[in-house]
């Protein structure tokens, strides 16, 4: 990543790299700014392989910080200031993170005792010289933390070669000097990997969406003003756009969308408006660096099957496995991924790594596979069709959530004797988290307990306190009975 970007900066330094509102930065300006911050980090003792936390608002300075850390050969760990202090301490402990780059040092310094907090505006030198640091393809570029089923967040380290694999010679969309991507996702969400590096490692332009909250009117304005060519939307945001302003992205060449199962009515309406080939469904876990498969929409979809998740992107292999053998077409099994996009494993979690990342002999060839927990089957033409999951992991608004982690934290409250967490689909098709607890406390007390320990997106929309939880004939919590007796309808 370091060498690829620096090559672009030398080759076309006057080309626009970043746009944020009325501000523009060329490749030469971005490279120099990143060199200055990298120089300061190196003089402060930052070394290759060190983990550096990043908490900067979406701005040119955020991209400068990420690039500076990459130039040091270090690892960036993005986090959100709304996350509870306890979660941050756990994350930093797992990752071995002892310094943070931020645009709000006064706010974070008291929250992160014992860690060096560095203002993103600090810099050394004139920025003309790139740091003399060698970065290998197998070095770690960043760590994303996702929800963990044991109550402990899972750190997913991603190598430089995995990011390059995602954005180099892409099959799923055009990525070159003429590409203009929209940086819309939170930097803590792995979609940002595509949005930022898809442009900057190919000589294109990255347009930063202004503000933290997405408004379709503002999205439309930004896309048209800056001639954005490629946009990624989570499934939920895509559906909202189709319902409220389907023409908001009418000038965009490619709309990538994924993160949850798609609504066929929304897909068909968008297809009728945009035409064939402009909407691409994408699928992929964080452990395989953002995207693993893609499916361009070329016509109306059959109503008797879900929208396919398609074929593998470049330098990626997809296997459907059942009982340690490859499935035949039409046979449902677990989706397993291989190739240079795979993470080396979970930070500080060797047992979980050994469970999910496994060497298998398939057709006489040994491959390291990531077991996604997703179920699917191949159609006869090689297209992959998603069939759900084999565990309690869900995605809501693009965020991956282990229901077990939310339940674990909830039952950690001393007044909770039993708890159950599930997902409810509202009448408008929105997926929301629901929690039920047998407790002497109130819903408000339990909500405060969760807010102190979990990111906002993991706190259930509805928490109901019950005297008991209904059980099925098999002795398990009866989910349907709970949902049918809702007191609060989300």
Protein backbone atom coordinates (compact mmCIF):
# COMPACT_ATOMS: atom_id res chain seq x y z
CA UNK A 1 0.00 0.00 0.00
CA UNK A 2 2.78 2.43 0.93
CA UNK A 3 4.72 1.94 -2.29
CA UNK A 4 1.60 1.93 -4.47
CA UNK A 5 0.39 5.23 -3.07
CA UNK A 6 3.83 6.84 -3.24
CA UNK A 7 4.12 5.70 -6.84
CA UNK A 8 0.81 7.42 -7.61
CA UNK A 9 1.98 10.59 -5.86
CA UNK A 10 5.19 10.67 -7.94
CA UNK A 11 3.41 9.86 -11.18
CA UNK A 12 0.47 12.26 -10.93
CA UNK A 13 1.10 14.54 -7.97
CA UNK A 14 -1.14 17.28 -9.33
CA UNK A 15 -4.18 15.02 -9.62
CA UNK A 16 -6.94 15.48 -7.04
CA UNK A 17 -6.79 12.76 -4.39
CA UNK A 18 -9.33 14.00 -1.82
CA UNK A 19 -12.37 16.25 -1.88
CA UNK A 20 -14.13 17.36 1.30
CA UNK A 21 -16.67 20.13 0.83
CA UNK A 22 -14.85 23.02 -0.85
CA UNK A 23 -11.43 21.63 0.07
CA UNK A 24 -9.27 19.63 -2.32
CA UNK A 25 -5.95 17.85 -1.79
CA UNK A 26 -3.78 16.65 -4.62
CA UNK A 27 -1.76 13.47 -4.40
CA UNK A 28 1.38 15.54 -3.82
CA UNK A 29 -0.26 17.52 -1.01
CA UNK A 30 -1.70 14.41 0.63
CA UNK A 31 1.63 12.61 0.38
CA UNK A 32 3.49 15.55 1.94
CA UNK A 33 0.97 15.92 4.78
CA UNK A 34 1.15 12.19 5.53
CA UNK A 35 4.97 12.33 5.44
CA UNK A 36 4.97 15.16 7.99
CA UNK A 37 2.72 13.30 10.42
CA UNK A 38 4.62 10.05 9.81
CA UNK A 39 7.85 11.90 10.59
CA UNK A 40 6.44 12.99 13.92
CA UNK A 41 5.20 9.48 14.74
CA UNK A 42 8.60 7.97 13.90
CA UNK A 43 10.40 10.52 16.06
CA UNK A 44 8.01 9.67 18.89
CA UNK A 45 9.09 6.03 18.69
CA UNK A 46 6.41 4.54 16.44
CA UNK A 47 7.87 1.51 14.71
CA UNK A 48 6.89 -1.03 12.09
CA UNK A 49 4.19 -3.31 13.46
CA UNK A 50 3.09 -0.93 16.25
CA UNK A 51 -0.65 -0.44 16.59
CA UNK A 52 -1.92 3.15 16.52
CA UNK A 53 -5.50 4.03 17.39
CA UNK A 54 -7.26 6.52 15.10
CA UNK A 55 -10.18 8.69 16.19
CA UNK A 56 -10.56 11.52 13.67
CA UNK A 57 -13.75 12.92 12.19
CA UNK A 58 -14.33 12.18 8.50
CA UNK A 59 -12.04 14.77 6.94
CA UNK A 60 -8.86 15.07 4.90
CA UNK A 61 -6.97 14.80 8.21
CA UNK A 62 -8.48 11.36 8.80
CA UNK A 63 -7.04 10.06 5.53
CA UNK A 64 -3.73 11.80 6.30
CA UNK A 65 -3.63 9.93 9.64
CA UNK A 66 -4.33 6.52 8.07
CA UNK A 67 -1.74 7.07 5.35
CA UNK A 68 0.86 8.35 7.83
CA UNK A 69 0.48 5.23 9.96
CA UNK A 70 0.80 3.04 6.86
CA UNK A 71 3.96 4.95 5.89
CA UNK A 72 5.46 4.13 9.30
CA UNK A 73 4.84 0.43 8.66
CA UNK A 74 2.49 0.60 11.65
CA UNK A 75 -1.09 -0.64 12.01
CA UNK A 76 -4.09 1.65 12.24
CA UNK A 77 -6.95 0.76 14.58
CA UNK A 78 -9.99 2.97 13.94
CA UNK A 79 -12.43 3.52 16.80
CA UNK A 80 -15.46 5.65 17.59
CA UNK A 81 -15.48 8.06 20.55
CA UNK A 82 -19.05 6.98 21.38
CA UNK A 83 -17.80 3.50 22.29
CA UNK A 84 -17.66 2.91 26.06
CA UNK A 85 -14.33 3.35 27.83
CA UNK A 86 -14.41 -0.26 29.01
CA UNK A 87 -14.67 -1.53 25.44
CA UNK A 88 -11.83 0.73 24.29
CA UNK A 89 -9.55 -0.53 27.05
CA UNK A 90 -10.33 -4.14 26.12
CA UNK A 91 -9.70 -3.46 22.41
CA UNK A 92 -6.43 -1.61 23.04
CA UNK A 93 -5.28 -4.33 25.39
CA UNK A 94 -5.95 -7.06 22.82
CA UNK A 95 -4.22 -5.09 20.05
CA UNK A 96 -1.33 -3.79 22.15
CA UNK A 97 -2.22 -0.20 21.23
CA UNK A 98 -0.42 2.42 23.34
CA UNK A 99 -0.79 5.56 21.20
CA UNK A 100 -3.71 7.30 19.52
CA UNK A 101 -3.95 9.91 16.76
CA UNK A 102 -6.99 12.16 17.09
CA UNK A 103 -8.52 15.54 16.32
CA UNK A 104 -9.96 15.75 19.86
CA UNK A 105 -6.99 15.22 22.20
CA UNK A 106 -8.56 17.14 25.12
CA UNK A 107 -11.56 14.79 25.13
CA UNK A 108 -9.66 11.52 24.74
CA UNK A 109 -6.64 12.10 26.98
CA UNK A 110 -8.53 11.68 30.26
CA UNK A 111 -10.37 8.65 28.86
CA UNK A 112 -7.17 6.83 27.86
CA UNK A 113 -4.80 6.98 30.82
CA UNK A 114 -1.37 5.52 30.17
CA UNK A 115 -1.62 5.98 26.41
CA UNK A 116 0.01 8.67 24.31
CA UNK A 117 -2.57 10.88 22.62
CA UNK A 118 -1.26 12.69 19.52
CA UNK A 119 -3.00 15.61 17.83
CA UNK A 120 -3.50 14.81 14.13
CA UNK A 121 -2.34 18.34 13.25
CA UNK A 122 1.14 17.68 14.70
CA UNK A 123 3.85 17.26 12.07
CA UNK A 124 7.61 17.29 11.50
CA UNK A 125 9.67 18.40 8.51
CA UNK A 126 8.58 19.65 5.10
CA UNK A 127 7.10 16.35 3.94
CA UNK A 128 9.20 16.13 0.80
CA UNK A 129 10.82 12.79 1.67
CA UNK A 130 8.91 9.54 2.06
CA UNK A 131 9.80 7.63 5.24
CA UNK A 132 12.60 5.14 4.63
CA UNK A 133 10.50 2.27 5.96
CA UNK A 134 10.10 -1.05 4.16
CA UNK A 135 6.61 -2.50 4.37
CA UNK A 136 6.03 -6.11 3.34
CA UNK A 137 2.91 -7.41 1.65
CA UNK A 138 2.24 -9.67 4.63
CA UNK A 139 2.56 -6.86 7.21
CA UNK A 140 -0.65 -5.81 8.96
CA UNK A 141 -2.22 -2.60 7.63
CA UNK A 142 -5.14 -2.22 10.04
CA UNK A 143 -7.32 -3.95 12.61
CA UNK A 144 -11.12 -3.81 12.61
CA UNK A 145 -12.95 -4.90 15.75
CA UNK A 146 -16.23 -6.75 15.38
CA UNK A 147 -18.71 -8.21 17.82
CA UNK A 148 -17.70 -11.42 19.60
CA UNK A 149 -19.99 -14.20 20.84
CA UNK A 150 -18.16 -14.57 24.18
CA UNK A 151 -18.64 -10.95 25.20
CA UNK A 152 -15.14 -10.04 24.04
CA UNK A 153 -14.77 -8.02 20.82
CA UNK A 154 -12.83 -9.74 18.04
CA UNK A 155 -9.92 -7.93 16.43
CA UNK A 156 -9.50 -8.77 12.74
CA UNK A 157 -6.05 -7.80 11.41
CA UNK A 158 -5.83 -7.21 7.65
CA UNK A 159 -2.61 -7.43 5.66
CA UNK A 160 -1.40 -4.95 3.03
CA UNK A 161 -1.68 -7.60 0.32
CA UNK A 162 -5.33 -8.14 1.25
CA UNK A 163 -6.20 -4.49 0.64
CA UNK A 164 -4.32 -4.54 -2.67
CA UNK A 165 -6.18 -7.72 -3.64
CA UNK A 166 -9.49 -5.92 -2.96
CA UNK A 167 -8.83 -2.91 -5.20
CA UNK A 168 -6.31 -4.04 -7.85
CA UNK A 169 -7.74 -5.24 -11.21
CA UNK A 170 -11.22 -5.26 -9.70
CA UNK A 171 -13.89 -7.35 -11.44
CA UNK A 172 -16.87 -5.92 -9.60
CA UNK A 173 -16.47 -2.24 -10.59
CA UNK A 174 -14.15 0.04 -12.49
CA UNK A 175 -11.24 1.29 -10.35
CA UNK A 176 -8.69 3.47 -12.16
CA UNK A 177 -7.51 7.10 -12.56
CA UNK A 178 -11.01 8.18 -13.60
CA UNK A 179 -12.76 6.59 -10.63
CA UNK A 180 -14.41 8.86 -8.07
CA UNK A 181 -15.46 6.95 -4.95
CA UNK A 182 -17.61 8.26 -2.12
CA UNK A 183 -16.22 7.82 1.40
CA UNK A 184 -19.54 7.40 3.20
CA UNK A 185 -19.05 4.60 5.73
CA UNK A 186 -17.72 5.08 9.26
CA UNK A 187 -13.98 4.40 9.23
CA UNK A 188 -14.62 1.65 11.81
CA UNK A 189 -16.67 -0.23 9.17
CA UNK A 190 -14.67 -2.28 6.67
CA UNK A 191 -16.55 -0.75 3.72
CA UNK A 192 -14.31 2.27 4.29
CA UNK A 193 -11.36 0.13 3.16
CA UNK A 194 -12.88 -0.05 -0.32
CA UNK A 195 -14.03 3.57 -0.35
CA UNK A 196 -10.64 5.05 0.59
CA UNK A 197 -8.06 2.72 -0.91
CA UNK A 198 -10.11 1.82 -3.99
CA UNK A 199 -9.49 5.39 -5.13
CA UNK A 200 -6.08 6.20 -3.68
CA UNK A 201 -4.24 3.06 -4.79
CA UNK A 202 -5.55 3.44 -8.34
CA UNK A 203 -4.93 7.15 -8.89
CA UNK A 204 -8.62 8.06 -8.55
CA UNK A 205 -10.40 10.60 -6.35
CA UNK A 206 -12.00 9.97 -2.97
CA UNK A 207 -14.89 12.30 -2.11
CA UNK A 208 -15.62 12.51 1.61
CA UNK A 209 -19.27 12.78 2.59
CA UNK A 210 -19.63 15.82 4.89
CA UNK A 211 -21.13 15.29 8.31
CA UNK A 212 -21.86 12.19 10.33
CA UNK A 213 -25.52 11.64 9.49
CA UNK A 214 -26.61 10.65 6.00
CA UNK A 215 -29.38 12.65 4.37
CA UNK A 216 -30.52 11.63 0.92
CA UNK A 217 -30.78 15.23 -0.23
CA UNK A 218 -27.17 15.82 0.80
CA UNK A 219 -26.10 12.52 -0.73
CA UNK A 220 -27.67 13.53 -4.03
CA UNK A 221 -25.96 16.95 -3.93
CA UNK A 222 -22.49 15.58 -3.13
CA UNK A 223 -22.70 12.85 -5.76
CA UNK A 224 -23.71 15.25 -8.52
CA UNK A 225 -21.48 18.14 -7.53
CA UNK A 226 -18.34 15.99 -7.55
CA UNK A 227 -19.29 13.53 -10.33
CA UNK A 228 -19.00 10.48 -8.06
CA UNK A 229 -18.77 7.31 -10.14
CA UNK A 230 -18.88 4.55 -7.51
CA UNK A 231 -20.88 4.30 -4.30
CA UNK A 232 -21.31 1.55 -1.71
CA UNK A 233 -24.54 1.47 0.34
CA UNK A 234 -25.51 -0.95 3.06
CA UNK A 235 -28.66 -2.90 2.20
CA UNK A 236 -30.75 -0.87 4.65
CA UNK A 237 -29.57 2.46 3.23
CA UNK A 238 -30.07 1.18 -0.32
CA UNK A 239 -33.68 0.26 0.51
CA UNK A 240 -34.28 3.67 2.07
CA UNK A 241 -32.90 5.40 -1.00
CA UNK A 242 -35.10 3.32 -3.31
CA UNK A 243 -38.17 4.16 -1.23
CA UNK A 244 -37.51 7.88 -0.75
CA UNK A 245 -35.34 9.13 -3.62
CA UNK A 246 -34.45 6.46 -6.14
CA UNK A 247 -32.85 9.06 -8.43
CA UNK A 248 -30.41 10.25 -5.74
CA UNK A 249 -27.67 8.18 -7.39
CA UNK A 250 -28.98 8.56 -10.93
CA UNK A 251 -25.63 9.91 -12.19
CA UNK A 252 -23.48 7.17 -10.58
CA UNK A 253 -21.90 4.51 -12.79
CA UNK A 254 -21.95 1.70 -10.19
CA UNK A 255 -23.97 1.30 -7.01
CA UNK A 256 -22.53 -1.47 -4.84
CA UNK A 257 -24.79 -2.74 -2.09
CA UNK A 258 -24.65 -5.49 0.52
CA UNK A 259 -24.36 -6.37 4.19
CA UNK A 260 -27.74 -8.08 4.60
CA UNK A 261 -30.16 -10.13 2.53
CA UNK A 262 -31.70 -7.97 -0.19
CA UNK A 263 -35.37 -7.12 -0.65
CA UNK A 264 -36.33 -8.22 -4.17
CA UNK A 265 -39.01 -5.51 -4.57
CA UNK A 266 -36.40 -2.83 -3.81
CA UNK A 267 -33.89 -4.45 -6.14
CA UNK A 268 -36.42 -4.70 -8.98
CA UNK A 269 -37.52 -1.07 -8.54
CA UNK A 270 -33.90 0.12 -8.61
CA UNK A 271 -33.12 -2.05 -11.61
CA UNK A 272 -36.09 -0.63 -13.51
CA UNK A 273 -34.87 2.89 -12.75
CA UNK A 274 -31.11 2.51 -13.31
CA UNK A 275 -31.02 -0.16 -15.98
CA UNK A 276 -28.93 -3.32 -16.24
CA UNK A 277 -25.38 -3.51 -14.97
CA UNK A 278 -25.28 -0.45 -12.71
CA UNK A 279 -26.28 -2.17 -9.47
CA UNK A 280 -23.93 -4.80 -8.05
CA UNK A 281 -24.70 -6.90 -5.00
CA UNK A 282 -21.56 -7.60 -2.97
CA UNK A 283 -20.90 -9.99 -0.11
CA UNK A 284 -17.99 -10.55 2.20
CA UNK A 285 -17.01 -10.84 5.87
CA UNK A 286 -14.45 -8.59 7.53
CA UNK A 287 -12.13 -11.61 7.72
CA UNK A 288 -11.85 -11.64 3.91
CA UNK A 289 -11.26 -7.89 3.50
CA UNK A 290 -14.62 -6.31 2.73
CA UNK A 291 -15.81 -8.09 -0.45
CA UNK A 292 -15.55 -11.74 -1.46
CA UNK A 293 -18.24 -12.12 -4.14
CA UNK A 294 -20.24 -9.92 -6.48
CA UNK A 295 -23.42 -10.19 -8.54
CA UNK A 296 -24.28 -7.57 -11.19
CA UNK A 297 -28.01 -7.10 -11.67
CA UNK A 298 -28.90 -7.53 -15.31
CA UNK A 299 -32.62 -8.27 -15.17
CA UNK A 300 -35.63 -9.01 -12.93
CA UNK A 301 -34.93 -11.68 -10.32
CA UNK A 302 -36.93 -14.89 -9.86
CA UNK A 303 -39.27 -14.66 -6.88
CA UNK A 304 -38.60 -18.24 -5.77
CA UNK A 305 -35.01 -17.64 -4.59
CA UNK A 306 -33.03 -14.95 -2.73
CA UNK A 307 -30.84 -12.56 -4.68
CA UNK A 308 -27.60 -14.45 -5.42
CA UNK A 309 -24.35 -13.27 -3.87
CA UNK A 310 -22.66 -14.20 -7.11
CA UNK A 311 -19.14 -15.16 -8.09
CA UNK A 312 -15.78 -14.57 -6.41
CA UNK A 313 -13.99 -11.28 -6.93
CA UNK A 314 -10.41 -11.33 -8.20
CA UNK A 315 -7.83 -13.41 -6.29
CA UNK A 316 -10.54 -15.06 -4.19
CA UNK A 317 -11.78 -18.62 -4.07
CA UNK A 318 -15.16 -19.69 -2.72
CA UNK A 319 -16.00 -23.22 -1.62
CA UNK A 320 -19.26 -24.65 -0.33
CA UNK A 321 -18.37 -27.38 2.15
CA UNK A 322 -20.37 -29.99 4.03
CA UNK A 323 -18.92 -32.79 6.15
CA UNK A 324 -15.40 -31.89 4.98
CA UNK A 325 -16.27 -32.33 1.31
CA UNK A 326 -17.18 -29.99 -1.51
CA UNK A 327 -20.90 -29.72 -2.18
CA UNK A 328 -22.48 -30.52 -5.50
CA UNK A 329 -24.43 -27.78 -7.34
CA UNK A 330 -27.75 -27.20 -5.58
CA UNK A 331 -26.52 -28.71 -2.29
CA UNK A 332 -26.44 -26.33 0.68
CA UNK A 333 -23.28 -26.14 2.76
CA UNK A 334 -21.08 -23.66 4.59
CA UNK A 335 -19.38 -20.90 2.60
CA UNK A 336 -15.62 -21.13 3.01
CA UNK A 337 -13.24 -18.55 1.56
CA UNK A 338 -9.57 -18.70 0.62
CA UNK A 339 -6.95 -16.56 -1.04
CA UNK A 340 -4.81 -13.52 -0.15
CA UNK A 341 -7.83 -11.61 1.18
CA UNK A 342 -7.93 -13.74 4.35
CA UNK A 343 -6.94 -12.27 7.69
CA UNK A 344 -4.13 -14.14 9.47
CA UNK A 345 -6.57 -14.74 12.35
CA UNK A 346 -8.08 -13.02 15.37
CA UNK A 347 -5.81 -10.85 17.51
CA UNK A 348 -5.04 -12.59 20.79
CA UNK A 349 -7.61 -15.35 20.21
CA UNK A 350 -5.74 -18.50 19.10
CA UNK A 351 -8.61 -20.89 19.87
CA UNK A 352 -11.14 -18.87 17.87
CA UNK A 353 -8.60 -18.50 15.07
CA UNK A 354 -8.04 -22.26 14.98
CA UNK A 355 -11.80 -22.84 14.87
CA UNK A 356 -12.50 -20.46 11.97
CA UNK A 357 -9.29 -20.55 9.94
CA UNK A 358 -8.59 -24.17 9.05
CA UNK A 359 -6.34 -26.00 6.61
CA UNK A 360 -8.45 -28.38 4.51
CA UNK A 361 -7.58 -30.85 1.79
CA UNK A 362 -10.11 -30.30 -0.98
CA UNK A 363 -9.78 -32.33 -4.18
CA UNK A 364 -6.25 -33.25 -3.16
CA UNK A 365 -5.13 -29.66 -2.57
CA UNK A 366 -4.50 -28.18 0.88
CA UNK A 367 -5.94 -24.71 1.34
CA UNK A 368 -6.36 -22.43 4.33
CA UNK A 369 -10.07 -21.71 4.54
CA UNK A 370 -12.06 -19.21 6.54
CA UNK A 371 -15.32 -20.76 7.75
CA UNK A 372 -17.85 -17.94 7.43
CA UNK A 373 -20.79 -19.61 9.19
CA UNK A 374 -22.90 -18.58 6.19
CA UNK A 375 -24.92 -21.18 4.31
CA UNK A 376 -25.30 -21.18 0.53
CA UNK A 377 -25.39 -23.34 -2.57
CA UNK A 378 -23.91 -23.08 -6.04
CA UNK A 379 -26.24 -23.02 -9.00
CA UNK A 380 -25.22 -25.04 -12.05
CA UNK A 381 -23.63 -21.96 -13.64
CA UNK A 382 -21.40 -21.30 -10.61
CA UNK A 383 -23.47 -18.50 -9.08
CA UNK A 384 -23.63 -18.61 -5.27
CA UNK A 385 -27.03 -18.24 -3.52
CA UNK A 386 -27.12 -17.27 0.17
CA UNK A 387 -29.28 -19.41 2.48
CA UNK A 388 -28.79 -17.89 5.94
CA UNK A 389 -26.44 -18.65 8.83
CA UNK A 390 -25.67 -21.58 11.07
CA UNK A 391 -25.16 -19.49 14.24
CA UNK A 392 -26.55 -16.39 15.97
CA UNK A 393 -24.60 -13.75 14.11
CA UNK A 394 -26.66 -11.06 12.37
CA UNK A 395 -26.07 -7.91 10.38
CA UNK A 396 -28.03 -4.75 11.08
CA UNK A 397 -27.37 -1.62 9.03
CA UNK A 398 -24.15 -3.24 7.86
CA UNK A 399 -22.83 -3.83 11.39
CA UNK A 400 -22.00 -7.41 12.27
CA UNK A 401 -23.46 -8.31 15.65
CA UNK A 402 -23.15 -11.50 17.66
CA UNK A 403 -26.42 -11.88 19.54
CA UNK A 404 -24.45 -13.91 22.07
CA UNK A 405 -22.29 -10.91 22.96
CA UNK A 406 -25.29 -8.68 23.64
CA UNK A 407 -26.89 -11.45 25.69
CA UNK A 408 -23.62 -12.07 27.57
CA UNK A 409 -23.35 -8.41 28.58
CA UNK A 410 -27.03 -8.23 29.52
CA UNK A 411 -26.83 -11.27 31.78
CA UNK A 412 -23.77 -9.67 33.39
CA UNK A 413 -26.09 -7.27 35.19
CA UNK A 414 -26.55 -8.52 38.79
CA UNK A 415 -30.35 -8.16 38.61
CA UNK A 416 -30.77 -10.20 35.41
CA UNK A 417 -31.57 -13.86 35.95
CA UNK A 418 -32.24 -14.77 32.32
CA UNK A 419 -32.06 -12.98 28.97
CA UNK A 420 -32.78 -13.54 25.33
CA UNK A 421 -31.74 -11.34 22.38
CA UNK A 422 -33.14 -11.64 18.89
CA UNK A 423 -33.90 -9.71 15.72
CA UNK A 424 -37.34 -8.47 14.75
CA UNK A 425 -38.32 -7.38 11.25
CA UNK A 426 -40.73 -4.44 11.34
CA UNK A 427 -43.62 -3.87 8.95
CA UNK A 428 -41.38 -1.63 6.83
CA UNK A 429 -38.74 -4.35 6.52
CA UNK A 430 -36.31 -2.79 9.01
CA UNK A 431 -34.30 -5.21 11.19
CA UNK A 432 -34.04 -4.19 14.85
CA UNK A 433 -32.47 -5.79 17.92
CA UNK A 434 -34.87 -6.91 20.66
CA UNK A 435 -33.95 -7.99 24.19
CA UNK A 436 -36.06 -9.75 26.82
CA UNK A 437 -34.88 -10.09 30.42
CA UNK A 438 -36.12 -11.76 33.59
CA UNK A 439 -35.03 -9.13 36.07
CA UNK A 440 -35.95 -7.04 39.10
CA UNK A 441 -34.55 -3.99 37.31
CA UNK A 442 -36.23 -1.73 34.80
CA UNK A 443 -35.70 -1.48 31.07
CA UNK A 444 -34.04 1.90 31.59
CA UNK A 445 -31.54 0.47 34.08
CA UNK A 446 -30.69 -2.40 31.74
CA UNK A 447 -30.33 -0.03 28.78
CA UNK A 448 -27.89 2.14 30.75
CA UNK A 449 -25.96 -1.02 31.66
CA UNK A 450 -25.63 -1.96 27.98
CA UNK A 451 -24.75 1.59 26.89
CA UNK A 452 -21.79 1.62 29.27
CA UNK A 453 -20.40 -1.56 27.73
CA UNK A 454 -21.46 -1.75 24.08
CA UNK A 455 -21.31 0.51 21.03
CA UNK A 456 -24.63 2.25 20.30
CA UNK A 457 -25.39 0.00 17.31
CA UNK A 458 -25.36 -3.06 19.60
CA UNK A 459 -27.86 -1.70 22.13
CA UNK A 460 -31.32 -3.22 21.42
CA UNK A 461 -34.03 -0.86 20.19
CA UNK A 462 -36.46 -2.52 22.59
CA UNK A 463 -35.72 -4.05 26.01
CA UNK A 464 -38.64 -5.71 27.78
CA UNK A 465 -38.55 -7.00 31.34
CA UNK A 466 -40.61 -10.17 31.91
CA UNK A 467 -41.41 -12.39 34.88
CA UNK A 468 -40.36 -15.40 32.81
CA UNK A 469 -39.42 -16.37 29.27
CA UNK A 470 -41.67 -18.84 27.39
CA UNK A 471 -40.07 -22.15 26.45
CA UNK A 472 -40.69 -24.39 23.46
CA UNK A 473 -41.36 -28.12 23.68
CA UNK A 474 -37.58 -28.62 23.30
CA UNK A 475 -36.86 -26.50 26.35
CA UNK A 476 -35.48 -23.51 24.42
CA UNK A 477 -36.71 -19.95 24.62
CA UNK A 478 -39.72 -19.67 22.32
CA UNK A 479 -38.80 -16.73 20.10
CA UNK A 480 -42.10 -16.63 18.24
CA UNK A 481 -44.08 -16.54 21.47
CA UNK A 482 -41.97 -13.65 22.73
CA UNK A 483 -42.37 -11.62 19.56
CA UNK A 484 -46.10 -12.28 19.40
CA UNK A 485 -46.48 -10.86 22.91
CA UNK A 486 -44.52 -7.64 22.33
CA UNK A 487 -45.63 -4.77 24.56
CA UNK A 488 -43.56 -2.25 22.60
CA UNK A 489 -43.82 -2.41 18.82
CA UNK A 490 -40.67 -1.02 17.17
